Structures are given as C-alpha cells and as structure tokens.
Amino acid sequence: MKYIIIKQTKNEVKLWKNIYLKDLIIILGLFFLGYIISPFIHSYLQIPFHIFIVIVGVVSCMPSPTNPKKRIYNSIFYALKKKNTYKHFGG
C-alpha cells in the first residue's frame, strides 16, 4: 500500500492573478483603519490621506525582495518584532 505524502500544507486562496485572500483582508483592514482615522484628518487632506492608505495597502502586499515567499508587511513585522535578532560579529 502506497502512502501519499503531502508536499505543501500552507495554500493561499488566490482570488485574481496576484491577489490573494489574505492580501484583500489586509487592504480592507487598512481601508477600515483609514475610515476610523479620517475624522481626525483635516478636510483638505482627506483625499491625499485616502490615496496614501491605498498606496500603503498595495505596496505592503507586494512580495518582499529580501525575504522569499513573504510579503513586505511580513518583513516589517519581522524587523519590528525583535530588536536583538541581529548580532554583528567582528570588525
């Protein structure tokens, strides 16, 4: 009897070409955060603020150039999570 070994256990739900469900949830979370914060933003800056939120959402969901198979928001969380993970040895 042959046993089938699963090679991949973490599958991402793909909605469109490069948009995954997790990315959509993060972008919608940023929209909700922008909606909550928007009353504290001056009326002249409302449109630039929402444009900024869209840009941050799209850029943070792009693949990270330094961490393979991770997104930019993962790289930011890794950088902020522990300050003492990097130790410099030598000169």
C-alpha atoms as a PDB file:
ATOM      1  CA  MET A   1       0.000   0.000   0.000  1.00  0.00           C
ATOM      2  CA  LYS A   2       1.373   3.397  -1.016  1.00  0.00           C
ATOM      3  CA  TYR A   3       1.071   6.417   1.203  1.00  0.00           C
ATOM      4  CA  ILE A   4       0.715   9.810  -0.354  1.00  0.00           C
ATOM      5  CA  ILE A   5       2.919  12.437   1.260  1.00  0.00           C
ATOM      6  CA  ILE A   6       1.616  15.965   1.064  1.00  0.00           C
ATOM      7  CA  LYS A   7       4.359  18.332  -0.045  1.00  0.00           C
ATOM      8  CA  GLN A   8       2.597  21.600   0.656  1.00  0.00           C
ATOM      9  CA  THR A   9       0.323  22.237   3.618  1.00  0.00           C
ATOM     10  CA  LYS A  10       0.013  26.013   3.518  1.00  0.00           C
ATOM     11  CA  ASN A  11      -2.017  27.010   0.475  1.00  0.00           C
ATOM     12  CA  GLU A  12      -3.106  30.577  -0.090  1.00  0.00           C
ATOM     13  CA  VAL A  13      -6.539  31.252  -1.557  1.00  0.00           C
ATOM     14  CA  LYS A  14      -5.980  33.027  -4.869  1.00  0.00           C
ATOM     15  CA  LEU A  15      -8.745  35.434  -5.939  1.00  0.00           C
ATOM     16  CA  TRP A  16      -7.248  37.033  -9.066  1.00  0.00           C
ATOM     17  CA  LYS A  17      -3.876  36.971 -10.838  1.00  0.00           C
ATOM     18  CA  ASN A  18      -1.681  38.190  -7.964  1.00  0.00           C
ATOM     19  CA  ILE A  19      -4.328  38.980  -5.347  1.00  0.00           C
ATOM     20  CA  TYR A  20      -4.780  36.524  -2.513  1.00  0.00           C
ATOM     21  CA  LEU A  21      -7.463  36.449   0.169  1.00  0.00           C
ATOM     22  CA  LYS A  22      -5.010  37.472   2.896  1.00  0.00           C
ATOM     23  CA  ASP A  23      -3.914  40.500   0.832  1.00  0.00           C
ATOM     24  CA  LEU A  24      -7.527  41.526   0.318  1.00  0.00           C
ATOM     25  CA  ILE A  25      -8.218  41.266   4.058  1.00  0.00           C
ATOM     26  CA  ILE A  26      -5.181  43.430   4.846  1.00  0.00           C
ATOM     27  CA  ILE A  27      -6.181  46.076   2.284  1.00  0.00           C
ATOM     28  CA  LEU A  28      -9.764  46.106   3.609  1.00  0.00           C
ATOM     29  CA  GLY A  29      -8.385  46.401   7.149  1.00  0.00           C
ATOM     30  CA  LEU A  30      -6.356  49.429   6.085  1.00  0.00           C
ATOM     31  CA  PHE A  31      -9.461  50.959   4.476  1.00  0.00           C
ATOM     32  CA  PHE A  32     -11.352  50.418   7.733  1.00  0.00           C
ATOM     33  CA  LEU A  33      -8.482  51.967   9.713  1.00  0.00           C
ATOM     34  CA  GLY A  34      -8.462  54.924   7.322  1.00  0.00           C
ATOM     35  CA  TYR A  35     -12.208  55.298   7.775  1.00  0.00           C
ATOM     36  CA  ILE A  36     -11.814  55.303  11.556  1.00  0.00           C
ATOM     37  CA  ILE A  37      -8.949  57.824  11.480  1.00  0.00           C
ATOM     38  CA  SER A  38     -10.441  60.098   8.791  1.00  0.00           C
ATOM     39  CA  PRO A  39     -12.473  62.302  11.205  1.00  0.00           C
ATOM     40  CA  PHE A  40      -9.171  63.390  12.754  1.00  0.00           C
ATOM     41  CA  ILE A  41      -7.718  64.441   9.380  1.00  0.00           C
ATOM     42  CA  HIS A  42      -8.283  67.971   8.085  1.00  0.00           C
ATOM     43  CA  SER A  43     -10.865  68.217   5.291  1.00  0.00           C
ATOM     44  CA  TYR A  44      -8.276  69.458   2.757  1.00  0.00           C
ATOM     45  CA  LEU A  45      -6.143  66.393   3.404  1.00  0.00           C
ATOM     46  CA  GLN A  46      -8.888  63.749   3.151  1.00  0.00           C
ATOM     47  CA  ILE A  47      -8.228  62.789  -0.490  1.00  0.00           C
ATOM     48  CA  PRO A  48      -4.406  62.642  -0.138  1.00  0.00           C
ATOM     49  CA  PHE A  49      -4.877  60.612   3.057  1.00  0.00           C
ATOM     50  CA  HIS A  50      -7.049  58.025   1.304  1.00  0.00           C
ATOM     51  CA  ILE A  51      -4.628  57.878  -1.641  1.00  0.00           C
ATOM     52  CA  PHE A  52      -1.812  57.287   0.851  1.00  0.00           C
ATOM     53  CA  ILE A  53      -3.779  54.474   2.515  1.00  0.00           C
ATOM     54  CA  VAL A  54      -4.346  52.805  -0.887  1.00  0.00           C
ATOM     55  CA  ILE A  55      -0.645  53.093  -1.792  1.00  0.00           C
ATOM     56  CA  VAL A  56       0.457  51.695   1.583  1.00  0.00           C
ATOM     57  CA  GLY A  57      -2.004  48.806   1.243  1.00  0.00           C
ATOM     58  CA  VAL A  58      -0.894  47.862  -2.258  1.00  0.00           C
ATOM     59  CA  VAL A  59       2.832  48.217  -1.553  1.00  0.00           C
ATOM     60  CA  SER A  60       2.650  46.278   1.715  1.00  0.00           C
ATOM     61  CA  CYS A  61       1.024  43.327  -0.083  1.00  0.00           C
ATOM     62  CA  MET A  62       3.750  43.110  -2.725  1.00  0.00           C
ATOM     63  CA  PRO A  63       6.326  40.305  -2.492  1.00  0.00           C
ATOM     64  CA  SER A  64       9.353  41.180  -0.376  1.00  0.00           C
ATOM     65  CA  PRO A  65      12.624  41.484  -2.309  1.00  0.00           C
ATOM     66  CA  THR A  66      14.695  40.309   0.680  1.00  0.00           C
ATOM     67  CA  ASN A  67      12.515  37.513   2.121  1.00  0.00           C
ATOM     68  CA  PRO A  68      11.483  34.870  -0.408  1.00  0.00           C
ATOM     69  CA  LYS A  69       7.828  33.758  -0.278  1.00  0.00           C
ATOM     70  CA  LYS A  70       6.952  36.592   2.129  1.00  0.00           C
ATOM     71  CA  ARG A  71       5.182  39.913   1.713  1.00  0.00           C
ATOM     72  CA  ILE A  72       6.541  43.341   2.629  1.00  0.00           C
ATOM     73  CA  TYR A  73       4.250  43.552   5.663  1.00  0.00           C
ATOM     74  CA  ASN A  74       5.839  40.321   6.940  1.00  0.00           C
ATOM     75  CA  SER A  75       9.297  41.884   6.567  1.00  0.00           C
ATOM     76  CA  ILE A  76       8.170  44.946   8.506  1.00  0.00           C
ATOM     77  CA  PHE A  77       6.722  42.784  11.292  1.00  0.00           C
ATOM     78  CA  TYR A  78       9.943  40.742  11.458  1.00  0.00           C
ATOM     79  CA  ALA A  79      12.012  43.931  11.706  1.00  0.00           C
ATOM     80  CA  LEU A  80       9.828  45.391  14.463  1.00  0.00           C
ATOM     81  CA  LYS A  81       9.276  42.163  16.394  1.00  0.00           C
ATOM     82  CA  LYS A  82      12.718  41.657  17.913  1.00  0.00           C
ATOM     83  CA  LYS A  83      15.411  44.237  18.133  1.00  0.00           C
ATOM     84  CA  ASN A  84      18.160  41.837  19.212  1.00  0.00           C
ATOM     85  CA  THR A  85      17.848  39.222  16.463  1.00  0.00           C
ATOM     86  CA  TYR A  86      20.777  40.627  14.502  1.00  0.00           C
ATOM     87  CA  LYS A  87      24.178  40.328  16.139  1.00  0.00           C
ATOM     88  CA  HIS A  88      27.249  41.720  14.495  1.00  0.00           C
ATOM     89  CA  PHE A  89      30.411  39.676  14.959  1.00  0.00           C
ATOM     90  CA  GLY A  90      33.807  41.015  14.103  1.00  0.00           C
ATOM     91  CA  GLY A  91      35.355  44.191  12.841  1.00  0.00           C
END
